[in-house]
Amino acid sequence: SRVGLSARAALRCAERVEGAGVTLLTIHPALKAKLKPGWLDDLRRSTG
């Protein structure tokens, strides 16, 4: 499950970025397919 692990690690990396604005997450295309809509909603709530 390397792709799934890497997708989750990408979200963790995005969570740890600080500042005001929009979180821009640049990843390999294979990871994007693994990002569930609910995970992205959780990221928005977590970071504001």
ModelCIF file with pLDDT and N, C-alpha, C, O atoms, coordinates in Angstrom:
data_MODEL
#
_entry.id   MODEL 
#
_entity.id                         1 
_entity.type                       polymer 
_entity.pdbx_number_of_molecules   1 
#
_entity_poly.entity_id                      1 
_entity_poly.type                           'polypeptide(L)' 
_entity_poly.nstd_linkage                   no 
_entity_poly.nstd_monomer                   no 
_entity_poly.pdbx_seq_one_letter_code       SRVGLSARAALRCAERVEGAGVTLLTIHPALKAKLKPGWLDDLRRSTG 
_entity_poly.pdbx_seq_one_letter_code_can   SRVGLSARAALRCAERVEGAGVTLLTIHPALKAKLKPGWLDDLRRSTG 
_entity_poly.pdbx_strand_id                 A 
#
loop_
_entity_poly_seq.entity_id 
_entity_poly_seq.num 
_entity_poly_seq.mon_id 
_entity_poly_seq.hetero 
1 1  SER n 
1 2  ARG n 
1 3  VAL n 
1 4  GLY n 
1 5  LEU n 
1 6  SER n 
1 7  ALA n 
1 8  ARG n 
1 9  ALA n 
1 10 ALA n 
1 11 LEU n 
1 12 ARG n 
1 13 CYS n 
1 14 ALA n 
1 15 GLU n 
1 16 ARG n 
1 17 VAL n 
1 18 GLU n 
1 19 GLY n 
1 20 ALA n 
1 21 GLY n 
1 22 VAL n 
1 23 THR n 
1 24 LEU n 
1 25 LEU n 
1 26 THR n 
1 27 ILE n 
1 28 HIS n 
1 29 PRO n 
1 30 ALA n 
1 31 LEU n 
1 32 LYS n 
1 33 ALA n 
1 34 LYS n 
1 35 LEU n 
1 36 LYS n 
1 37 PRO n 
1 38 GLY n 
1 39 TRP n 
1 40 LEU n 
1 41 ASP n 
1 42 ASP n 
1 43 LEU n 
1 44 ARG n 
1 45 ARG n 
1 46 SER n 
1 47 THR n 
1 48 GLY n 
#
_struct_asym.id          A 
_struct_asym.entity_id   1 
#
loop_
_ma_qa_metric.id 
_ma_qa_metric.mode 
_ma_qa_metric.name 
_ma_qa_metric.software_group_id 
_ma_qa_metric.type 
1 global pLDDT . pLDDT 
2 local  pLDDT . pLDDT 
#
_ma_qa_metric_global.metric_id      1 
_ma_qa_metric_global.metric_value   95.50 
_ma_qa_metric_global.model_id       1 
_ma_qa_metric_global.ordinal_id     1 
#
loop_
_ma_qa_metric_local.label_asym_id 
_ma_qa_metric_local.label_comp_id 
_ma_qa_metric_local.label_seq_id 
_ma_qa_metric_local.metric_id 
_ma_qa_metric_local.metric_value 
_ma_qa_metric_local.model_id 
_ma_qa_metric_local.ordinal_id 
A SER 1  2 94.00 1 1  
A ARG 2  2 96.00 1 2  
A VAL 3  2 96.00 1 3  
A GLY 4  2 96.00 1 4  
A LEU 5  2 96.00 1 5  
A SER 6  2 97.00 1 6  
A ALA 7  2 97.00 1 7  
A ARG 8  2 97.00 1 8  
A ALA 9  2 96.00 1 9  
A ALA 10 2 97.00 1 10 
A LEU 11 2 96.00 1 11 
A ARG 12 2 95.00 1 12 
A CYS 13 2 95.00 1 13 
A ALA 14 2 95.00 1 14 
A GLU 15 2 94.00 1 15 
A ARG 16 2 92.00 1 16 
A VAL 17 2 94.00 1 17 
A GLU 18 2 92.00 1 18 
A GLY 19 2 92.00 1 19 
A ALA 20 2 92.00 1 20 
A GLY 21 2 94.00 1 21 
A VAL 22 2 96.00 1 22 
A THR 23 2 96.00 1 23 
A LEU 24 2 97.00 1 24 
A LEU 25 2 97.00 1 25 
A THR 26 2 97.00 1 26 
A ILE 27 2 97.00 1 27 
A HIS 28 2 97.00 1 28 
A PRO 29 2 96.00 1 29 
A ALA 30 2 97.00 1 30 
A LEU 31 2 97.00 1 31 
A LYS 32 2 95.00 1 32 
A ALA 33 2 94.00 1 33 
A LYS 34 2 95.00 1 34 
A LEU 35 2 96.00 1 35 
A LYS 36 2 95.00 1 36 
A PRO 37 2 94.00 1 37 
A GLY 38 2 96.00 1 38 
A TRP 39 2 97.00 1 39 
A LEU 40 2 97.00 1 40 
A ASP 41 2 97.00 1 41 
A ASP 42 2 96.00 1 42 
A LEU 43 2 96.00 1 43 
A ARG 44 2 96.00 1 44 
A ARG 45 2 96.00 1 45 
A SER 46 2 94.00 1 46 
A THR 47 2 95.00 1 47 
A GLY 48 2 95.00 1 48 
#
loop_
_atom_site.group_PDB 
_atom_site.id 
_atom_site.type_symbol 
_atom_site.label_atom_id 
_atom_site.label_alt_id 
_atom_site.label_comp_id 
_atom_site.label_asym_id 
_atom_site.label_entity_id 
_atom_site.label_seq_id 
_atom_site.pdbx_PDB_ins_code 
_atom_site.Cartn_x 
_atom_site.Cartn_y 
_atom_site.Cartn_z 
_atom_site.occupancy 
_atom_site.B_iso_or_equiv 
_atom_site.pdbx_formal_charge 
_atom_site.auth_seq_id 
_atom_site.auth_comp_id 
_atom_site.auth_asym_id 
_atom_site.auth_atom_id 
_atom_site.pdbx_PDB_model_num 
ATOM 1   N N  . SER A 1 1  ? 0.834   -1.222 0.000  1.00 94.00 ? 1  SER A N  1 
ATOM 2   C CA . SER A 1 1  ? 0.000   0.000  0.000  1.00 94.00 ? 1  SER A CA 1 
ATOM 3   C C  . SER A 1 1  ? 0.859   1.259  0.000  1.00 94.00 ? 1  SER A C  1 
ATOM 4   O O  . SER A 1 1  ? 0.540   2.233  0.682  1.00 94.00 ? 1  SER A O  1 
ATOM 5   N N  . ARG A 1 2  ? 1.943   1.238  -0.761 1.00 96.00 ? 2  ARG A N  1 
ATOM 6   C CA . ARG A 1 2  ? 2.862   2.388  -0.749 1.00 96.00 ? 2  ARG A CA 1 
ATOM 7   C C  . ARG A 1 2  ? 2.173   3.675  -1.205 1.00 96.00 ? 2  ARG A C  1 
ATOM 8   O O  . ARG A 1 2  ? 2.421   4.743  -0.645 1.00 96.00 ? 2  ARG A O  1 
ATOM 9   N N  . VAL A 1 3  ? 1.311   3.577  -2.218 1.00 96.00 ? 3  VAL A N  1 
ATOM 10  C CA . VAL A 1 3  ? 0.636   4.780  -2.708 1.00 96.00 ? 3  VAL A CA 1 
ATOM 11  C C  . VAL A 1 3  ? -0.300  5.332  -1.638 1.00 96.00 ? 3  VAL A C  1 
ATOM 12  O O  . VAL A 1 3  ? -0.343  6.541  -1.408 1.00 96.00 ? 3  VAL A O  1 
ATOM 13  N N  . GLY A 1 4  ? -1.049  4.443  -0.984 1.00 96.00 ? 4  GLY A N  1 
ATOM 14  C CA . GLY A 1 4  ? -1.946  4.896  0.075  1.00 96.00 ? 4  GLY A CA 1 
ATOM 15  C C  . GLY A 1 4  ? -1.204  5.515  1.236  1.00 96.00 ? 4  GLY A C  1 
ATOM 16  O O  . GLY A 1 4  ? -1.642  6.532  1.774  1.00 96.00 ? 4  GLY A O  1 
ATOM 17  N N  . LEU A 1 5  ? -0.082  4.922  1.637  1.00 96.00 ? 5  LEU A N  1 
ATOM 18  C CA . LEU A 1 5  ? 0.741   5.495  2.699  1.00 96.00 ? 5  LEU A CA 1 
ATOM 19  C C  . LEU A 1 5  ? 1.271   6.865  2.306  1.00 96.00 ? 5  LEU A C  1 
ATOM 20  O O  . LEU A 1 5  ? 1.285   7.792  3.116  1.00 96.00 ? 5  LEU A O  1 
ATOM 21  N N  . SER A 1 6  ? 1.707   6.987  1.056  1.00 97.00 ? 6  SER A N  1 
ATOM 22  C CA . SER A 1 6  ? 2.267   8.255  0.599  1.00 97.00 ? 6  SER A CA 1 
ATOM 23  C C  . SER A 1 6  ? 1.195   9.332  0.514  1.00 97.00 ? 6  SER A C  1 
ATOM 24  O O  . SER A 1 6  ? 1.469   10.500 0.787  1.00 97.00 ? 6  SER A O  1 
ATOM 25  N N  . ALA A 1 7  ? -0.035  8.949  0.136  1.00 97.00 ? 7  ALA A N  1 
ATOM 26  C CA . ALA A 1 7  ? -1.134  9.917  0.092  1.00 97.00 ? 7  ALA A CA 1 
ATOM 27  C C  . ALA A 1 7  ? -1.448  10.444 1.482  1.00 97.00 ? 7  ALA A C  1 
ATOM 28  O O  . ALA A 1 7  ? -1.666  11.643 1.659  1.00 97.00 ? 7  ALA A O  1 
ATOM 29  N N  . ARG A 1 8  ? -1.471  9.571  2.454  1.00 97.00 ? 8  ARG A N  1 
ATOM 30  C CA . ARG A 1 8  ? -1.727  9.998  3.830  1.00 97.00 ? 8  ARG A CA 1 
ATOM 31  C C  . ARG A 1 8  ? -0.582  10.865 4.355  1.00 97.00 ? 8  ARG A C  1 
ATOM 32  O O  . ARG A 1 8  ? -0.817  11.835 5.076  1.00 97.00 ? 8  ARG A O  1 
ATOM 33  N N  . ALA A 1 9  ? 0.650   10.519 3.996  1.00 96.00 ? 9  ALA A N  1 
ATOM 34  C CA . ALA A 1 9  ? 1.795   11.325 4.411  1.00 96.00 ? 9  ALA A CA 1 
ATOM 35  C C  . ALA A 1 9  ? 1.731   12.718 3.791  1.00 96.00 ? 9  ALA A C  1 
ATOM 36  O O  . ALA A 1 9  ? 2.132   13.697 4.421  1.00 96.00 ? 9  ALA A O  1 
ATOM 37  N N  . ALA A 1 10 ? 1.229   12.812 2.559  1.00 97.00 ? 10 ALA A N  1 
ATOM 38  C CA . ALA A 1 10 ? 1.097   14.116 1.913  1.00 97.00 ? 10 ALA A CA 1 
ATOM 39  C C  . ALA A 1 10 ? 0.112   15.005 2.671  1.00 97.00 ? 10 ALA A C  1 
ATOM 40  O O  . ALA A 1 10 ? 0.343   16.203 2.830  1.00 97.00 ? 10 ALA A O  1 
ATOM 41  N N  . LEU A 1 11 ? -0.987  14.410 3.138  1.00 96.00 ? 11 LEU A N  1 
ATOM 42  C CA . LEU A 1 11 ? -1.962  15.186 3.906  1.00 96.00 ? 11 LEU A CA 1 
ATOM 43  C C  . LEU A 1 11 ? -1.368  15.640 5.231  1.00 96.00 ? 11 LEU A C  1 
ATOM 44  O O  . LEU A 1 11 ? -1.630  16.754 5.684  1.00 96.00 ? 11 LEU A O  1 
ATOM 45  N N  . ARG A 1 12 ? -0.574  14.782 5.847  1.00 95.00 ? 12 ARG A N  1 
ATOM 46  C CA . ARG A 1 12 ? 0.078   15.166 7.100  1.00 95.00 ? 12 ARG A CA 1 
ATOM 47  C C  . ARG A 1 12 ? 1.033   16.328 6.870  1.00 95.00 ? 12 ARG A C  1 
ATOM 48  O O  . ARG A 1 12 ? 1.119   17.245 7.687  1.00 95.00 ? 12 ARG A O  1 
ATOM 49  N N  . CYS A 1 13 ? 1.744   16.284 5.758  1.00 95.00 ? 13 CYS A N  1 
ATOM 50  C CA . CYS A 1 13 ? 2.654   17.379 5.415  1.00 95.00 ? 13 CYS A CA 1 
ATOM 51  C C  . CYS A 1 13 ? 1.873   18.674 5.223  1.00 95.00 ? 13 CYS A C  1 
ATOM 52  O O  . CYS A 1 13 ? 2.305   19.735 5.674  1.00 95.00 ? 13 CYS A O  1 
ATOM 53  N N  . ALA A 1 14 ? 0.725   18.590 4.553  1.00 95.00 ? 14 ALA A N  1 
ATOM 54  C CA . ALA A 1 14 ? -0.091  19.785 4.331  1.00 95.00 ? 14 ALA A CA 1 
ATOM 55  C C  . ALA A 1 14 ? -0.639  20.328 5.634  1.00 95.00 ? 14 ALA A C  1 
ATOM 56  O O  . ALA A 1 14 ? -0.776  21.541 5.791  1.00 95.00 ? 14 ALA A O  1 
ATOM 57  N N  . GLU A 1 15 ? -0.955  19.448 6.573  1.00 94.00 ? 15 GLU A N  1 
ATOM 58  C CA . GLU A 1 15 ? -1.460  19.889 7.876  1.00 94.00 ? 15 GLU A CA 1 
ATOM 59  C C  . GLU A 1 15 ? -0.439  20.711 8.644  1.00 94.00 ? 15 GLU A C  1 
ATOM 60  O O  . GLU A 1 15 ? -0.802  21.625 9.384  1.00 94.00 ? 15 GLU A O  1 
ATOM 61  N N  . ARG A 1 16 ? 0.827   20.392 8.471  1.00 92.00 ? 16 ARG A N  1 
ATOM 62  C CA . ARG A 1 16 ? 1.870   21.004 9.281  1.00 92.00 ? 16 ARG A CA 1 
ATOM 63  C C  . ARG A 1 16 ? 2.346   22.348 8.731  1.00 92.00 ? 16 ARG A C  1 
ATOM 64  O O  . ARG A 1 16 ? 3.097   23.063 9.394  1.00 92.00 ? 16 ARG A O  1 
ATOM 65  N N  . VAL A 1 17 ? 1.907   22.691 7.518  1.00 94.00 ? 17 VAL A N  1 
ATOM 66  C CA . VAL A 1 17 ? 2.269   23.998 6.962  1.00 94.00 ? 17 VAL A CA 1 
ATOM 67  C C  . VAL A 1 17 ? 1.444   25.072 7.653  1.00 94.00 ? 17 VAL A C  1 
ATOM 68  O O  . VAL A 1 17 ? 0.239   24.908 7.846  1.00 94.00 ? 17 VAL A O  1 
ATOM 69  N N  . GLU A 1 18 ? 2.084   26.158 8.021  1.00 92.00 ? 18 GLU A N  1 
ATOM 70  C CA . GLU A 1 18 ? 1.397   27.231 8.742  1.00 92.00 ? 18 GLU A CA 1 
ATOM 71  C C  . GLU A 1 18 ? 1.338   28.502 7.901  1.00 92.00 ? 18 GLU A C  1 
ATOM 72  O O  . GLU A 1 18 ? 2.203   28.764 7.065  1.00 92.00 ? 18 GLU A O  1 
ATOM 73  N N  . GLY A 1 19 ? 0.290   29.278 8.149  1.00 92.00 ? 19 GLY A N  1 
ATOM 74  C CA . GLY A 1 19 ? 0.153   30.544 7.445  1.00 92.00 ? 19 GLY A CA 1 
ATOM 75  C C  . GLY A 1 19 ? -1.276  30.753 6.979  1.00 92.00 ? 19 GLY A C  1 
ATOM 76  O O  . GLY A 1 19 ? -2.120  29.866 7.102  1.00 92.00 ? 19 GLY A O  1 
ATOM 77  N N  . ALA A 1 20 ? -1.539  31.953 6.437  1.00 92.00 ? 20 ALA A N  1 
ATOM 78  C CA . ALA A 1 20 ? -2.860  32.306 5.937  1.00 92.00 ? 20 ALA A CA 1 
ATOM 79  C C  . ALA A 1 20 ? -2.857  32.225 4.417  1.00 92.00 ? 20 ALA A C  1 
ATOM 80  O O  . ALA A 1 20 ? -1.865  32.552 3.766  1.00 92.00 ? 20 ALA A O  1 
ATOM 81  N N  . GLY A 1 21 ? -3.991  31.780 3.859  1.00 94.00 ? 21 GLY A N  1 
ATOM 82  C CA . GLY A 1 21 ? -4.100  31.665 2.419  1.00 94.00 ? 21 GLY A CA 1 
ATOM 83  C C  . GLY A 1 21 ? -4.710  30.329 2.044  1.00 94.00 ? 21 GLY A C  1 
ATOM 84  O O  . GLY A 1 21 ? -5.617  29.840 2.717  1.00 94.00 ? 21 GLY A O  1 
ATOM 85  N N  . VAL A 1 22 ? -4.214  29.747 0.977  1.00 96.00 ? 22 VAL A N  1 
ATOM 86  C CA . VAL A 1 22 ? -4.695  28.464 0.474  1.00 96.00 ? 22 VAL A CA 1 
ATOM 87  C C  . VAL A 1 22 ? -3.552  27.453 0.527  1.00 96.00 ? 22 VAL A C  1 
ATOM 88  O O  . VAL A 1 22 ? -2.412  27.775 0.193  1.00 96.00 ? 22 VAL A O  1 
ATOM 89  N N  . THR A 1 23 ? -3.864  26.238 0.947  1.00 96.00 ? 23 THR A N  1 
ATOM 90  C CA . THR A 1 23 ? -2.854  25.180 0.955  1.00 96.00 ? 23 THR A CA 1 
ATOM 91  C C  . THR A 1 23 ? -2.725  24.615 -0.455 1.00 96.00 ? 23 THR A C  1 
ATOM 92  O O  . THR A 1 23 ? -3.681  24.060 -0.996 1.00 96.00 ? 23 THR A O  1 
ATOM 93  N N  . LEU A 1 24 ? -1.550  24.755 -1.042 1.00 97.00 ? 24 LEU A N  1 
ATOM 94  C CA . LEU A 1 24 ? -1.270  24.174 -2.347 1.00 97.00 ? 24 LEU A CA 1 
ATOM 95  C C  . LEU A 1 24 ? -0.434  22.920 -2.131 1.00 97.00 ? 24 LEU A C  1 
ATOM 96  O O  . LEU A 1 24 ? 0.689   22.983 -1.630 1.00 97.00 ? 24 LEU A O  1 
ATOM 97  N N  . LEU A 1 25 ? -1.001  21.781 -2.516 1.00 97.00 ? 25 LEU A N  1 
ATOM 98  C CA . LEU A 1 25 ? -0.339  20.501 -2.335 1.00 97.00 ? 25 LEU A CA 1 
ATOM 99  C C  . LEU A 1 25 ? 0.001   19.931 -3.704 1.00 97.00 ? 25 LEU A C  1 
ATOM 100 O O  . LEU A 1 25 ? -0.888  19.625 -4.498 1.00 97.00 ? 25 LEU A O  1 
ATOM 101 N N  . THR A 1 26 ? 1.290   19.791 -3.973 1.00 97.00 ? 26 THR A N  1 
ATOM 102 C CA . THR A 1 26 ? 1.748   19.262 -5.252 1.00 97.00 ? 26 THR A CA 1 
ATOM 103 C C  . THR A 1 26 ? 2.283   17.850 -5.038 1.00 97.00 ? 26 THR A C  1 
ATOM 104 O O  . THR A 1 26 ? 3.199   17.639 -4.243 1.00 97.00 ? 26 THR A O  1 
ATOM 105 N N  . ILE A 1 27 ? 1.699   16.874 -5.758 1.00 97.00 ? 27 ILE A N  1 
ATOM 106 C CA . ILE A 1 27 ? 1.997   15.469 -5.520 1.00 97.00 ? 27 ILE A CA 1 
ATOM 107 C C  . ILE A 1 27 ? 2.064   14.715 -6.841 1.00 97.00 ? 27 ILE A C  1 
ATOM 108 O O  . ILE A 1 27 ? 1.706   15.243 -7.894 1.00 97.00 ? 27 ILE A O  1 
ATOM 109 N N  . HIS A 1 28 ? 2.528   13.471 -6.766 1.00 97.00 ? 28 HIS A N  1 
ATOM 110 C CA . HIS A 1 28 ? 2.511   12.580 -7.923 1.00 97.00 ? 28 HIS A CA 1 
ATOM 111 C C  . HIS A 1 28 ? 1.057   12.282 -8.300 1.00 97.00 ? 28 HIS A C  1 
ATOM 112 O O  . HIS A 1 28 ? 0.216   12.178 -7.407 1.00 97.00 ? 28 HIS A O  1 
ATOM 113 N N  . PRO A 1 29 ? 0.730   12.139 -9.600 1.00 96.00 ? 29 PRO A N  1 
ATOM 114 C CA . PRO A 1 29 ? -0.663  11.875 -9.999 1.00 96.00 ? 29 PRO A CA 1 
ATOM 115 C C  . PRO A 1 29 ? -1.280  10.647 -9.341 1.00 96.00 ? 29 PRO A C  1 
ATOM 116 O O  . PRO A 1 29 ? -2.484  10.632 -9.087 1.00 96.00 ? 29 PRO A O  1 
ATOM 117 N N  . ALA A 1 30 ? -0.484  9.617  -9.060 1.00 97.00 ? 30 ALA A N  1 
ATOM 118 C CA . ALA A 1 30 ? -1.040  8.410  -8.437 1.00 97.00 ? 30 ALA A CA 1 
ATOM 119 C C  . ALA A 1 30 ? -1.603  8.704  -7.058 1.00 97.00 ? 30 ALA A C  1 
ATOM 120 O O  . ALA A 1 30 ? -2.553  8.049  -6.628 1.00 97.00 ? 30 ALA A O  1 
ATOM 121 N N  . LEU A 1 31 ? -1.037  9.673  -6.361 1.00 97.00 ? 31 LEU A N  1 
ATOM 122 C CA . LEU A 1 31 ? -1.510  10.005 -5.022 1.00 97.00 ? 31 LEU A CA 1 
ATOM 123 C C  . LEU A 1 31 ? -2.860  10.705 -5.073 1.00 97.00 ? 31 LEU A C  1 
ATOM 124 O O  . LEU A 1 31 ? -3.704  10.498 -4.201 1.00 97.00 ? 31 LEU A O  1 
ATOM 125 N N  . LYS A 1 32 ? -3.063  11.525 -6.082 1.00 95.00 ? 32 LYS A N  1 
ATOM 126 C CA . LYS A 1 32 ? -4.323  12.266 -6.171 1.00 95.00 ? 32 LYS A CA 1 
ATOM 127 C C  . LYS A 1 32 ? -5.505  11.311 -6.243 1.00 95.00 ? 32 LYS A C  1 
ATOM 128 O O  . LYS A 1 32 ? -6.560  11.577 -5.667 1.00 95.00 ? 32 LYS A O  1 
ATOM 129 N N  . ALA A 1 33 ? -5.330  10.205 -6.947 1.00 94.00 ? 33 ALA A N  1 
ATOM 130 C CA . ALA A 1 33 ? -6.417  9.234  -7.074 1.00 94.00 ? 33 ALA A CA 1 
ATOM 131 C C  . ALA A 1 33 ? -6.763  8.577  -5.744 1.00 94.00 ? 33 ALA A C  1 
ATOM 132 O O  . ALA A 1 33 ? -7.862  8.047  -5.584 1.00 94.00 ? 33 ALA A O  1 
ATOM 133 N N  . LYS A 1 34 ? -5.845  8.607  -4.797 1.00 95.00 ? 34 LYS A N  1 
ATOM 134 C CA . LYS A 1 34 ? -6.061  7.989  -3.487 1.00 95.00 ? 34 LYS A CA 1 
ATOM 135 C C  . LYS A 1 34 ? -6.673  8.945  -2.466 1.00 95.00 ? 34 LYS A C  1 
ATOM 136 O O  . LYS A 1 34 ? -7.125  8.508  -1.408 1.00 95.00 ? 34 LYS A O  1 
ATOM 137 N N  . LEU A 1 35 ? -6.694  10.229 -2.766 1.00 96.00 ? 35 LEU A N  1 
ATOM 138 C CA . LEU A 1 35 ? -7.193  11.208 -1.795 1.00 96.00 ? 35 LEU A CA 1 
ATOM 139 C C  . LEU A 1 35 ? -8.714  11.210 -1.788 1.00 96.00 ? 35 LEU A C  1 
ATOM 140 O O  . LEU A 1 35 ? -9.344  11.641 -2.753 1.00 96.00 ? 35 LEU A O  1 
ATOM 141 N N  . LYS A 1 36 ? -9.298  10.731 -0.706 1.00 95.00 ? 36 LYS A N  1 
ATOM 142 C CA . LYS A 1 36 ? -10.747 10.679 -0.587 1.00 95.00 ? 36 LYS A CA 1 
ATOM 143 C C  . LYS A 1 36 ? -11.299 12.077 -0.312 1.00 95.00 ? 36 LYS A C  1 
ATOM 144 O O  . LYS A 1 36 ? -10.668 12.863 0.396  1.00 95.00 ? 36 LYS A O  1 
ATOM 145 N N  . PRO A 1 37 ? -12.479 12.396 -0.870 1.00 94.00 ? 37 PRO A N  1 
ATOM 146 C CA . PRO A 1 37 ? -13.074 13.715 -0.612 1.00 94.00 ? 37 PRO A CA 1 
ATOM 147 C C  . PRO A 1 37 ? -13.205 14.019 0.878  1.00 94.00 ? 37 PRO A C  1 
ATOM 148 O O  . PRO A 1 37 ? -12.989 15.154 1.303  1.00 94.00 ? 37 PRO A O  1 
ATOM 149 N N  . GLY A 1 38 ? -13.556 13.015 1.663  1.00 96.00 ? 38 GLY A N  1 
ATOM 150 C CA . GLY A 1 38 ? -13.685 13.238 3.099  1.00 96.00 ? 38 GLY A CA 1 
ATOM 151 C C  . GLY A 1 38 ? -12.368 13.609 3.748  1.00 96.00 ? 38 GLY A C  1 
ATOM 152 O O  . GLY A 1 38 ? -12.353 14.387 4.701  1.00 96.00 ? 38 GLY A O  1 
ATOM 153 N N  . TRP A 1 39 ? -11.252 13.067 3.253  1.00 97.00 ? 39 TRP A N  1 
ATOM 154 C CA . TRP A 1 39 ? -9.934  13.421 3.780  1.00 97.00 ? 39 TRP A CA 1 
ATOM 155 C C  . TRP A 1 39 ? -9.629  14.891 3.505  1.00 97.00 ? 39 TRP A C  1 
ATOM 156 O O  . TRP A 1 39 ? -9.107  15.594 4.371  1.00 97.00 ? 39 TRP A O  1 
ATOM 157 N N  . LEU A 1 40 ? -9.954  15.352 2.300  1.00 97.00 ? 40 LEU A N  1 
ATOM 158 C CA . LEU A 1 40 ? -9.702  16.757 1.965  1.00 97.00 ? 40 LEU A CA 1 
ATOM 159 C C  . LEU A 1 40 ? -10.586 17.682 2.805  1.00 97.00 ? 40 LEU A C  1 
ATOM 160 O O  . LEU A 1 40 ? -10.159 18.767 3.201  1.00 97.00 ? 40 LEU A O  1 
ATOM 161 N N  . ASP A 1 41 ? -11.812 17.247 3.073  1.00 97.00 ? 41 ASP A N  1 
ATOM 162 C CA . ASP A 1 41 ? -12.677 18.030 3.962  1.00 97.00 ? 41 ASP A CA 1 
ATOM 163 C C  . ASP A 1 41 ? -12.072 18.093 5.366  1.00 97.00 ? 41 ASP A C  1 
ATOM 164 O O  . ASP A 1 41 ? -12.098 19.140 6.013  1.00 97.00 ? 41 ASP A O  1 
ATOM 165 N N  . ASP A 1 42 ? -11.528 16.963 5.832  1.00 96.00 ? 42 ASP A N  1 
ATOM 166 C CA . ASP A 1 42 ? -10.869 16.944 7.145  1.00 96.00 ? 42 ASP A CA 1 
ATOM 167 C C  . ASP A 1 42 ? -9.667  17.882 7.161  1.00 96.00 ? 42 ASP A C  1 
ATOM 168 O O  . ASP A 1 42 ? -9.421  18.554 8.162  1.00 96.00 ? 42 ASP A O  1 
ATOM 169 N N  . LEU A 1 43 ? -8.922  17.933 6.069  1.00 96.00 ? 43 LEU A N  1 
ATOM 170 C CA . LEU A 1 43 ? -7.768  18.823 5.983  1.00 96.00 ? 43 LEU A CA 1 
ATOM 171 C C  . LEU A 1 43 ? -8.201  20.281 6.042  1.00 96.00 ? 43 LEU A C  1 
ATOM 172 O O  . LEU A 1 43 ? -7.547  21.100 6.688  1.00 96.00 ? 43 LEU A O  1 
ATOM 173 N N  . ARG A 1 44 ? -9.286  20.602 5.379  1.00 96.00 ? 44 ARG A N  1 
ATOM 174 C CA . ARG A 1 44 ? -9.796  21.983 5.422  1.00 96.00 ? 44 ARG A CA 1 
ATOM 175 C C  . ARG A 1 44 ? -10.218 22.365 6.835  1.00 96.00 ? 44 ARG A C  1 
ATOM 176 O O  . ARG A 1 44 ? -9.930  23.467 7.303  1.00 96.00 ? 44 ARG A O  1 
ATOM 177 N N  . ARG A 1 45 ? -10.906 21.440 7.512  1.00 96.00 ? 45 ARG A N  1 
ATOM 178 C CA . ARG A 1 45 ? -11.333 21.738 8.877  1.00 96.00 ? 45 ARG A CA 1 
ATOM 179 C C  . ARG A 1 45 ? -10.143 21.838 9.817  1.00 96.00 ? 45 ARG A C  1 
ATOM 180 O O  . ARG A 1 45 ? -10.117 22.692 10.703 1.00 96.00 ? 45 ARG A O  1 
ATOM 181 N N  . SER A 1 46 ? -9.169  20.979 9.628  1.00 94.00 ? 46 SER A N  1 
ATOM 182 C CA . SER A 1 46 ? -8.003  20.961 10.517 1.00 94.00 ? 46 SER A CA 1 
ATOM 183 C C  . SER A 1 46 ? -7.166  22.225 10.404 1.00 94.00 ? 46 SER A C  1 
ATOM 184 O O  . SER A 1 46 ? -6.649  22.727 11.402 1.00 94.00 ? 46 SER A O  1 
ATOM 185 N N  . THR A 1 47 ? -7.037  22.734 9.196  1.00 95.00 ? 47 THR A N  1 
ATOM 186 C CA . THR A 1 47 ? -6.155  23.888 8.967  1.00 95.00 ? 47 THR A CA 1 
ATOM 187 C C  . THR A 1 47 ? -6.902  25.213 8.886  1.00 95.00 ? 47 THR A C  1 
ATOM 188 O O  . THR A 1 47 ? -6.302  26.276 9.043  1.00 95.00 ? 47 THR A O  1 
ATOM 189 N N  . GLY A 1 48 ? -8.220  25.155 8.641  1.00 95.00 ? 48 GLY A N  1 
ATOM 190 C CA . GLY A 1 48 ? -8.976  26.390 8.453  1.00 95.00 ? 48 GLY A CA 1 
ATOM 191 C C  . GLY A 1 48 ? -8.681  27.057 7.120  1.00 95.00 ? 48 GLY A C  1 
ATOM 192 O O  . GLY A 1 48 ? -9.244  28.110 6.818  1.00 95.00 ? 48 GLY A O  1 
#
